[in-house]
């Protein structure tokens, strides 16, 4: 990545960057921080992944799409430059990966559009991530849990070690509440790099979050100042992510009333996104771990008003299916099992069999076509939760079309 950026003239050096890593919540934390920065009058790019409906979701102006012309011109410029570019054969692959190209493109777009700041979310891990070529103004670390163990390690400590790779010399570090092993890793890395370490639980008090049909009503005190927010993404975790973004912004002298106000409008596609379709509440979320499934279920029950409830679920291989089934299935009148797209392998037949074994009396059906699964759910006059695979909602044409230009 260093070689590619050097070839492109180091576009990442044209803006001040803030680097976000973690196992969960890093996309929303990045979005909240970019909203705060833009509210302070600065032009702030936001780079997140993956995208759900449109590739443009990865590269935004603090959550808002750039003009199509700006996307196209930067794309043409990048393609023209990398047309004849290749790595030495000793690198293993002569051409950049898709994510490396996305990352370089984001940096070029932010430079071309005059962004003075950019919030950059890591892809996988941190230490060896393509984004870890930044000399960032701050490292922001969201909660660590066991994920991508085949690449990042089999323990919280090992995974935290990979995420801690984004901590750079002298730049402050901001961490949300962590398991003890992860907190210790982050503190030691910050100390070794001469970076000041800010741990959210040590600066946060009087935290309260109530989930309502209108969103998450949350309040807390940071450094003696009280904040009250109504967040569109309704979960306790989202409220904690917002608090982490505020702590970072306060210590970095980026905080303003307008910035805090803009946080209330942040909505990432597929992150507890609520829609009304044909009179039915449809919630789209990406819960694919037991912890996130439990959080999603708790929030869904608080926003759901209809007695009947329908679940549409698909899970990629490698997920803790039994635990997720036990958490979600008891609360639904009908469960429709479908499959993820071709990007992720899934086994809906196995998920169906496990569901029937654990809950033999439940109305469980299998529909491999995600569009038909949604159409079937909409006929039931129920509140609907679509969850599991991140890509499930993007398989549904009705949802995808409303997000495309």
Protein backbone atom coordinates (compact mmCIF):
# COMPACT_ATOMS: atom_id res chain seq x y z
CA UNK A 1 0.00 0.00 0.00
CA UNK A 2 2.90 2.34 0.77
CA UNK A 3 4.27 1.64 -2.71
CA UNK A 4 0.90 2.29 -4.36
CA UNK A 5 0.39 5.57 -2.48
CA UNK A 6 3.91 6.69 -3.31
CA UNK A 7 3.15 6.00 -6.99
CA UNK A 8 -0.03 8.10 -6.68
CA UNK A 9 1.72 11.04 -5.00
CA UNK A 10 0.51 10.32 -1.44
CA UNK A 11 -3.03 11.75 -1.58
CA UNK A 12 -3.52 10.70 2.07
CA UNK A 13 -1.16 13.46 3.16
CA UNK A 14 -3.50 16.17 1.86
CA UNK A 15 -5.92 15.96 4.81
CA UNK A 16 -5.88 15.45 8.58
CA UNK A 17 -7.03 11.91 9.33
CA UNK A 18 -8.67 10.12 12.26
CA UNK A 19 -8.30 6.35 12.24
CA UNK A 20 -11.00 4.00 13.61
CA UNK A 21 -10.58 0.27 14.33
CA UNK A 22 -12.47 -2.34 16.33
CA UNK A 23 -14.60 -5.46 16.04
CA UNK A 24 -17.97 -3.74 16.14
CA UNK A 25 -19.31 -0.21 16.04
CA UNK A 26 -16.42 1.29 14.12
CA UNK A 27 -18.57 2.38 11.17
CA UNK A 28 -21.11 4.23 13.33
CA UNK A 29 -18.37 5.75 15.53
CA UNK A 30 -16.61 7.00 12.39
CA UNK A 31 -19.87 8.43 11.07
CA UNK A 32 -20.63 10.21 14.36
CA UNK A 33 -17.14 11.70 14.49
CA UNK A 34 -17.32 12.93 10.89
CA UNK A 35 -20.70 14.56 11.64
CA UNK A 36 -19.13 16.41 14.58
CA UNK A 37 -16.18 17.55 12.46
CA UNK A 38 -18.39 18.79 9.63
CA UNK A 39 -20.51 20.65 12.19
CA UNK A 40 -17.41 22.57 13.23
CA UNK A 41 -17.23 24.05 9.73
CA UNK A 42 -14.63 21.69 8.29
CA UNK A 43 -15.00 19.66 5.10
CA UNK A 44 -14.74 16.06 6.26
CA UNK A 45 -14.51 12.90 4.17
CA UNK A 46 -15.73 9.59 5.55
CA UNK A 47 -14.37 6.22 4.43
CA UNK A 48 -16.22 3.12 5.67
CA UNK A 49 -16.79 -0.46 4.60
CA UNK A 50 -18.41 -2.58 3.41
CA UNK A 51 -21.18 -1.03 1.37
CA UNK A 52 -24.73 -2.36 1.38
CA UNK A 53 -26.60 -0.92 -1.59
CA UNK A 54 -24.21 1.40 -3.44
CA UNK A 55 -20.42 1.46 -3.59
CA UNK A 56 -20.66 5.23 -3.02
CA UNK A 57 -21.54 4.48 0.62
CA UNK A 58 -17.84 3.83 1.21
CA UNK A 59 -16.77 7.35 0.21
CA UNK A 60 -18.95 10.20 1.45
CA UNK A 61 -18.81 13.79 2.57
CA UNK A 62 -19.65 13.14 6.21
CA UNK A 63 -22.38 10.70 5.24
CA UNK A 64 -23.68 12.60 2.19
CA UNK A 65 -22.84 11.52 -1.32
CA UNK A 66 -20.44 13.61 -3.37
CA UNK A 67 -21.62 14.80 -6.78
CA UNK A 68 -21.61 11.97 -9.34
CA UNK A 69 -19.19 13.98 -11.46
CA UNK A 70 -16.66 14.02 -8.62
CA UNK A 71 -16.90 10.26 -8.19
CA UNK A 72 -16.45 9.67 -11.92
CA UNK A 73 -13.58 12.10 -12.44
CA UNK A 74 -11.59 10.64 -9.55
CA UNK A 75 -12.31 7.11 -10.77
CA UNK A 76 -11.06 7.94 -14.25
CA UNK A 77 -7.95 9.59 -12.81
CA UNK A 78 -7.14 6.57 -10.64
CA UNK A 79 -7.74 4.05 -13.42
CA UNK A 80 -5.55 6.04 -15.75
CA UNK A 81 -2.72 6.10 -13.23
CA UNK A 82 -2.81 2.45 -12.15
CA UNK A 83 -3.29 1.09 -15.67
CA UNK A 84 0.43 0.37 -15.99
CA UNK A 85 1.17 -0.06 -12.28
CA UNK A 86 2.29 -3.38 -10.84
CA UNK A 87 4.08 -4.60 -7.72
CA UNK A 88 7.36 -6.53 -7.83
CA UNK A 89 6.71 -10.26 -8.29
CA UNK A 90 8.13 -10.86 -4.82
CA UNK A 91 4.98 -9.26 -3.35
CA UNK A 92 2.97 -12.32 -4.36
CA UNK A 93 0.41 -10.40 -6.40
CA UNK A 94 1.36 -7.98 -9.11
CA UNK A 95 -1.86 -5.95 -8.96
CA UNK A 96 -3.44 -4.14 -5.98
CA UNK A 97 -6.35 -5.84 -4.25
CA UNK A 98 -9.89 -4.49 -4.53
CA UNK A 99 -9.70 -3.01 -1.02
CA UNK A 100 -6.33 -1.39 -1.74
CA UNK A 101 -7.86 0.27 -4.80
CA UNK A 102 -10.91 1.39 -2.80
CA UNK A 103 -8.63 2.90 -0.15
CA UNK A 104 -6.46 4.74 -2.65
CA UNK A 105 -9.61 5.96 -4.42
CA UNK A 106 -11.05 7.33 -1.18
CA UNK A 107 -7.87 9.23 -0.44
CA UNK A 108 -7.77 10.66 -3.98
CA UNK A 109 -11.44 11.65 -3.81
CA UNK A 110 -11.01 13.46 -0.50
CA UNK A 111 -7.99 15.31 -1.89
CA UNK A 112 -9.73 16.21 -5.17
CA UNK A 113 -12.80 17.59 -3.37
CA UNK A 114 -10.78 19.68 -0.93
CA UNK A 115 -11.47 17.80 2.30
CA UNK A 116 -9.36 19.18 5.12
CA UNK A 117 -10.20 16.22 7.37
CA UNK A 118 -11.19 12.59 6.89
CA UNK A 119 -12.35 9.83 9.21
CA UNK A 120 -11.01 6.49 8.01
CA UNK A 121 -12.39 3.13 9.14
CA UNK A 122 -10.13 0.10 8.89
CA UNK A 123 -11.22 -2.86 6.83
CA UNK A 124 -9.89 -5.99 8.52
CA UNK A 125 -7.72 -5.81 11.63
CA UNK A 126 -5.50 -2.77 11.83
CA UNK A 127 -1.78 -3.57 11.92
CA UNK A 128 -1.68 -4.93 8.37
CA UNK A 129 -4.77 -3.14 7.06
CA UNK A 130 -4.47 -1.16 3.83
CA UNK A 131 -5.58 1.96 5.69
CA UNK A 132 -2.68 1.70 8.14
CA UNK A 133 -0.47 3.96 6.05
CA UNK A 134 -1.88 7.07 7.68
CA UNK A 135 -0.09 9.38 10.05
CA UNK A 136 -3.35 9.98 11.85
CA UNK A 137 -4.21 12.74 14.30
CA UNK A 138 -5.92 10.18 16.55
CA UNK A 139 -6.65 6.48 16.89
CA UNK A 140 -10.19 5.51 17.94
CA UNK A 141 -10.78 1.95 19.17
CA UNK A 142 -14.26 0.43 19.45
CA UNK A 143 -15.13 -2.79 21.34
CA UNK A 144 -13.10 -5.92 20.59
CA UNK A 145 -14.65 -9.37 20.32
CA UNK A 146 -13.69 -12.67 18.71
CA UNK A 147 -13.98 -12.22 14.94
CA UNK A 148 -12.01 -13.26 11.86
CA UNK A 149 -10.06 -15.58 14.15
CA UNK A 150 -8.50 -17.37 11.19
CA UNK A 151 -6.63 -14.15 10.38
CA UNK A 152 -6.49 -12.04 13.54
CA UNK A 153 -5.93 -14.60 16.30
CA UNK A 154 -7.92 -16.88 18.58
CA UNK A 155 -8.04 -14.69 21.69
CA UNK A 156 -9.22 -11.21 22.60
CA UNK A 157 -5.61 -10.32 23.42
CA UNK A 158 -4.35 -11.39 19.99
CA UNK A 159 -7.11 -9.58 18.13
CA UNK A 160 -6.60 -6.43 20.22
CA UNK A 161 -2.92 -6.60 19.32
CA UNK A 162 -3.82 -6.44 15.63
CA UNK A 163 -6.26 -3.54 16.13
CA UNK A 164 -3.68 -1.68 18.26
CA UNK A 165 -1.48 -1.47 15.19
CA UNK A 166 -3.21 1.79 14.20
CA UNK A 167 -1.77 3.57 17.27
CA UNK A 168 0.97 5.88 16.07
CA UNK A 169 3.66 7.88 17.82
CA UNK A 170 2.38 10.79 19.94
CA UNK A 171 -1.18 10.79 18.52
CA UNK A 172 -3.88 10.43 21.20
CA UNK A 173 -5.80 7.18 21.57
CA UNK A 174 -9.50 6.95 22.44
CA UNK A 175 -11.01 3.63 23.48
CA UNK A 176 -14.53 2.55 24.30
CA UNK A 177 -15.20 0.10 27.14
CA UNK A 178 -13.21 -3.07 26.54
CA UNK A 179 -12.69 -6.49 28.03
CA UNK A 180 -9.77 -6.39 30.45
CA UNK A 181 -7.34 -8.14 28.06
CA UNK A 182 -8.03 -5.68 25.23
CA UNK A 183 -7.80 -2.63 27.49
CA UNK A 184 -4.40 -3.79 28.76
CA UNK A 185 -3.10 -4.28 25.20
CA UNK A 186 -4.24 -0.81 24.15
CA UNK A 187 -2.78 0.90 27.22
CA UNK A 188 0.60 -0.78 26.77
CA UNK A 189 0.75 0.03 23.06
CA UNK A 190 -0.18 3.69 23.70
CA UNK A 191 2.48 3.96 26.40
CA UNK A 192 5.11 2.40 24.13
CA UNK A 193 4.26 4.89 21.37
CA UNK A 194 4.22 7.91 23.69
CA UNK A 195 0.52 8.42 22.96
CA UNK A 196 -1.95 9.76 25.52
CA UNK A 197 -4.66 7.19 26.30
CA UNK A 198 -8.28 8.19 26.94
CA UNK A 199 -10.52 5.36 28.18
CA UNK A 200 -14.22 6.19 27.82
CA UNK A 201 -15.38 4.66 31.16
CA UNK A 202 -12.96 6.99 32.98
CA UNK A 203 -14.49 10.10 31.40
CA UNK A 204 -18.15 9.09 31.10
CA UNK A 205 -20.77 9.27 33.84
CA UNK A 206 -24.56 9.24 34.27
CA UNK A 207 -24.98 7.26 31.05
CA UNK A 208 -28.59 6.41 30.20
CA UNK A 209 -30.15 5.15 27.00
CA UNK A 210 -33.81 4.44 26.30
CA UNK A 211 -34.96 2.88 23.03
CA UNK A 212 -38.19 4.35 21.66
CA UNK A 213 -40.08 4.25 18.36
CA UNK A 214 -38.39 7.56 17.51
CA UNK A 215 -34.85 6.29 18.14
CA UNK A 216 -32.42 6.08 21.03
CA UNK A 217 -32.92 8.77 23.67
CA UNK A 218 -29.57 8.97 25.40
CA UNK A 219 -27.93 11.22 27.95
CA UNK A 220 -24.52 11.22 29.59
CA UNK A 221 -21.87 13.47 31.10
CA UNK A 222 -18.36 13.79 29.67
CA UNK A 223 -15.80 15.92 31.48
CA UNK A 224 -18.53 17.62 33.48
CA UNK A 225 -20.72 18.55 30.49
CA UNK A 226 -24.11 16.93 29.98
CA UNK A 227 -25.26 15.74 26.56
CA UNK A 228 -28.78 14.75 25.53
CA UNK A 229 -29.27 13.15 22.11
CA UNK A 230 -32.02 11.47 20.09
CA UNK A 231 -30.14 9.12 17.77
CA UNK A 232 -31.76 7.60 14.70
CA UNK A 233 -29.85 4.32 15.06
CA UNK A 234 -31.63 2.90 18.07
CA UNK A 235 -29.46 0.78 20.32
CA UNK A 236 -27.49 1.18 23.52
CA UNK A 237 -24.30 0.35 21.61
CA UNK A 238 -24.91 3.19 19.15
CA UNK A 239 -25.31 5.58 22.08
CA UNK A 240 -21.98 4.41 23.50
CA UNK A 241 -20.36 4.90 20.09
CA UNK A 242 -21.72 8.44 20.01
CA UNK A 243 -20.23 9.09 23.45
CA UNK A 244 -16.83 7.85 22.26
CA UNK A 245 -16.98 10.19 19.26
CA UNK A 246 -17.83 13.12 21.53
CA UNK A 247 -14.95 12.31 23.89
CA UNK A 248 -12.50 12.23 20.97
CA UNK A 249 -13.87 15.44 19.48
CA UNK A 250 -13.74 17.23 22.84
CA UNK A 251 -10.10 16.33 23.45
CA UNK A 252 -9.18 17.20 19.85
CA UNK A 253 -10.88 20.64 20.07
CA UNK A 254 -13.37 19.73 17.34
CA UNK A 255 -16.58 19.91 19.36
CA UNK A 256 -19.38 22.38 18.67
CA UNK A 257 -23.11 22.55 19.35
CA UNK A 258 -23.80 22.21 15.63
CA UNK A 259 -21.59 19.13 15.45
CA UNK A 260 -23.42 17.42 18.30
CA UNK A 261 -26.74 18.33 16.67
CA UNK A 262 -25.67 16.71 13.38
CA UNK A 263 -25.02 13.42 15.15
CA UNK A 264 -28.77 13.02 15.59
CA UNK A 265 -29.24 12.71 11.82
CA UNK A 266 -26.61 10.01 11.27
CA UNK A 267 -28.00 6.82 9.71
CA UNK A 268 -25.84 4.20 8.08
CA UNK A 269 -27.54 1.78 5.66
CA UNK A 270 -28.32 -1.49 7.38
CA UNK A 271 -27.41 -0.37 10.90
CA UNK A 272 -30.74 -0.63 12.72
CA UNK A 273 -32.38 1.18 9.83
CA UNK A 274 -36.14 1.58 10.18
CA UNK A 275 -38.50 1.83 7.21
CA UNK A 276 -42.24 1.70 6.69
CA UNK A 277 -43.16 -0.49 3.71
CA UNK A 278 -46.84 -1.09 2.87
CA UNK A 279 -47.79 -0.18 6.42
CA UNK A 280 -45.28 -2.59 7.96
CA UNK A 281 -42.33 -1.58 10.11
CA UNK A 282 -39.22 -3.08 8.52
CA UNK A 283 -35.98 -2.95 10.50
CA UNK A 284 -32.72 -3.76 8.70
CA UNK A 285 -29.78 -4.66 10.88
CA UNK A 286 -26.57 -6.64 10.52
CA UNK A 287 -26.51 -8.80 13.65
CA UNK A 288 -24.26 -11.78 12.94
CA UNK A 289 -22.78 -12.48 16.40
CA UNK A 290 -24.63 -13.58 19.56
CA UNK A 291 -23.88 -10.25 21.28
CA UNK A 292 -25.13 -8.14 18.37
CA UNK A 293 -28.17 -10.40 17.93
CA UNK A 294 -29.10 -9.87 21.57
CA UNK A 295 -28.71 -6.10 21.24
CA UNK A 296 -30.71 -6.01 18.01
CA UNK A 297 -33.50 -8.11 19.52
CA UNK A 298 -33.72 -5.85 22.56
CA UNK A 299 -34.00 -2.74 20.38
CA UNK A 300 -36.46 -4.32 17.94
CA UNK A 301 -38.85 -5.30 20.73
CA UNK A 302 -38.85 -1.71 21.93
CA UNK A 303 -39.67 -0.16 18.55
CA UNK A 304 -42.10 -2.86 17.38
CA UNK A 305 -45.76 -2.06 18.00
CA UNK A 306 -47.59 -4.88 16.20
CA UNK A 307 -48.34 -8.09 18.02
CA UNK A 308 -47.24 -10.23 15.07
CA UNK A 309 -43.55 -10.26 14.27
CA UNK A 310 -41.66 -11.81 11.35
CA UNK A 311 -37.94 -12.56 11.10
CA UNK A 312 -36.05 -12.84 7.81
CA UNK A 313 -32.59 -14.22 8.43
CA UNK A 314 -29.54 -15.44 6.55
CA UNK A 315 -26.20 -16.29 8.09
CA UNK A 316 -22.86 -16.78 6.39
CA UNK A 317 -20.90 -19.91 7.20
CA UNK A 318 -18.77 -19.73 10.32
CA UNK A 319 -21.27 -17.87 12.48
CA UNK A 320 -22.50 -19.18 15.84
CA UNK A 321 -25.82 -20.35 14.45
CA UNK A 322 -27.13 -22.22 17.50
CA UNK A 323 -26.59 -19.26 19.83
CA UNK A 324 -28.12 -16.77 17.40
CA UNK A 325 -31.16 -19.03 16.81
CA UNK A 326 -31.78 -19.31 20.56
CA UNK A 327 -31.57 -15.53 20.96
CA UNK A 328 -33.81 -14.50 18.06
CA UNK A 329 -36.34 -17.22 17.23
CA UNK A 330 -38.45 -17.20 20.46
CA UNK A 331 -39.79 -13.70 19.75
CA UNK A 332 -41.19 -14.24 16.24
CA UNK A 333 -44.46 -15.67 14.95
CA UNK A 334 -42.90 -16.59 11.61
CA UNK A 335 -39.26 -17.12 10.71
CA UNK A 336 -38.20 -17.06 7.06
CA UNK A 337 -34.76 -18.44 6.38
CA UNK A 338 -33.08 -17.35 3.17
CA UNK A 339 -29.55 -17.21 1.84
CA UNK A 340 -26.80 -14.66 1.48
CA UNK A 341 -25.45 -13.60 -1.87
CA UNK A 342 -22.55 -15.17 -3.70
CA UNK A 343 -19.95 -13.10 -1.80
CA UNK A 344 -20.45 -15.18 1.33
CA UNK A 345 -21.11 -18.92 1.50
CA UNK A 346 -24.18 -19.90 3.49
CA UNK A 347 -26.19 -23.02 4.20
CA UNK A 348 -29.86 -22.11 4.66
CA UNK A 349 -30.84 -25.80 4.76
CA UNK A 350 -28.63 -26.35 7.81
CA UNK A 351 -29.98 -23.20 9.48
CA UNK A 352 -33.53 -24.40 8.80
CA UNK A 353 -32.85 -27.84 10.28
CA UNK A 354 -31.24 -26.34 13.38
CA UNK A 355 -34.19 -23.99 13.82
CA UNK A 356 -36.71 -26.83 13.60
CA UNK A 357 -34.71 -28.95 16.04
CA UNK A 358 -34.47 -26.18 18.62
CA UNK A 359 -37.98 -24.77 18.11
CA UNK A 360 -40.15 -27.56 16.59
CA UNK A 361 -43.40 -25.70 17.28
CA UNK A 362 -42.32 -22.48 15.53
CA UNK A 363 -43.61 -21.44 12.09
CA UNK A 364 -40.29 -21.71 10.24
CA UNK A 365 -40.04 -21.74 6.47
CA UNK A 366 -37.21 -21.59 3.95
CA UNK A 367 -37.21 -19.33 0.89
CA UNK A 368 -33.90 -19.13 -0.93
CA UNK A 369 -34.94 -16.09 -2.96
CA UNK A 370 -34.56 -13.06 -0.69
CA UNK A 371 -37.02 -10.98 -2.74
CA UNK A 372 -39.74 -13.60 -2.34
CA UNK A 373 -38.92 -13.86 1.36
CA UNK A 374 -39.61 -10.14 1.80
CA UNK A 375 -42.80 -10.26 -0.31
CA UNK A 376 -44.04 -13.16 1.80
CA UNK A 377 -43.32 -11.30 5.04
CA UNK A 378 -45.13 -8.17 3.84
CA UNK A 379 -48.39 -10.11 3.39
CA UNK A 380 -48.57 -10.99 7.08
CA UNK A 381 -49.35 -7.55 8.55
CA UNK A 382 -46.48 -7.81 10.99
CA UNK A 383 -43.39 -5.93 12.05
CA UNK A 384 -40.39 -7.35 10.21
CA UNK A 385 -36.74 -7.74 11.22
CA UNK A 386 -34.21 -8.45 8.46
CA UNK A 387 -30.91 -9.49 9.96
CA UNK A 388 -27.93 -11.83 9.95
CA UNK A 389 -25.71 -11.40 6.92
CA UNK A 390 -24.64 -7.82 6.19
CA UNK A 391 -25.49 -8.36 2.53
CA UNK A 392 -29.00 -9.81 2.97
CA UNK A 393 -30.92 -6.55 2.52
CA UNK A 394 -28.97 -5.68 -0.63
CA UNK A 395 -30.35 -8.87 -2.22
CA UNK A 396 -33.87 -7.43 -2.02
CA UNK A 397 -34.69 -5.38 -5.10
CA UNK A 398 -37.38 -3.35 -3.32
CA UNK A 399 -34.81 -2.13 -0.77
CA UNK A 400 -31.93 -1.79 -3.21
CA UNK A 401 -33.79 0.40 -5.71
CA UNK A 402 -34.68 2.98 -3.09
CA UNK A 403 -30.95 3.46 -2.41
CA UNK A 404 -29.71 3.71 -6.00
CA UNK A 405 -29.55 6.79 -8.17
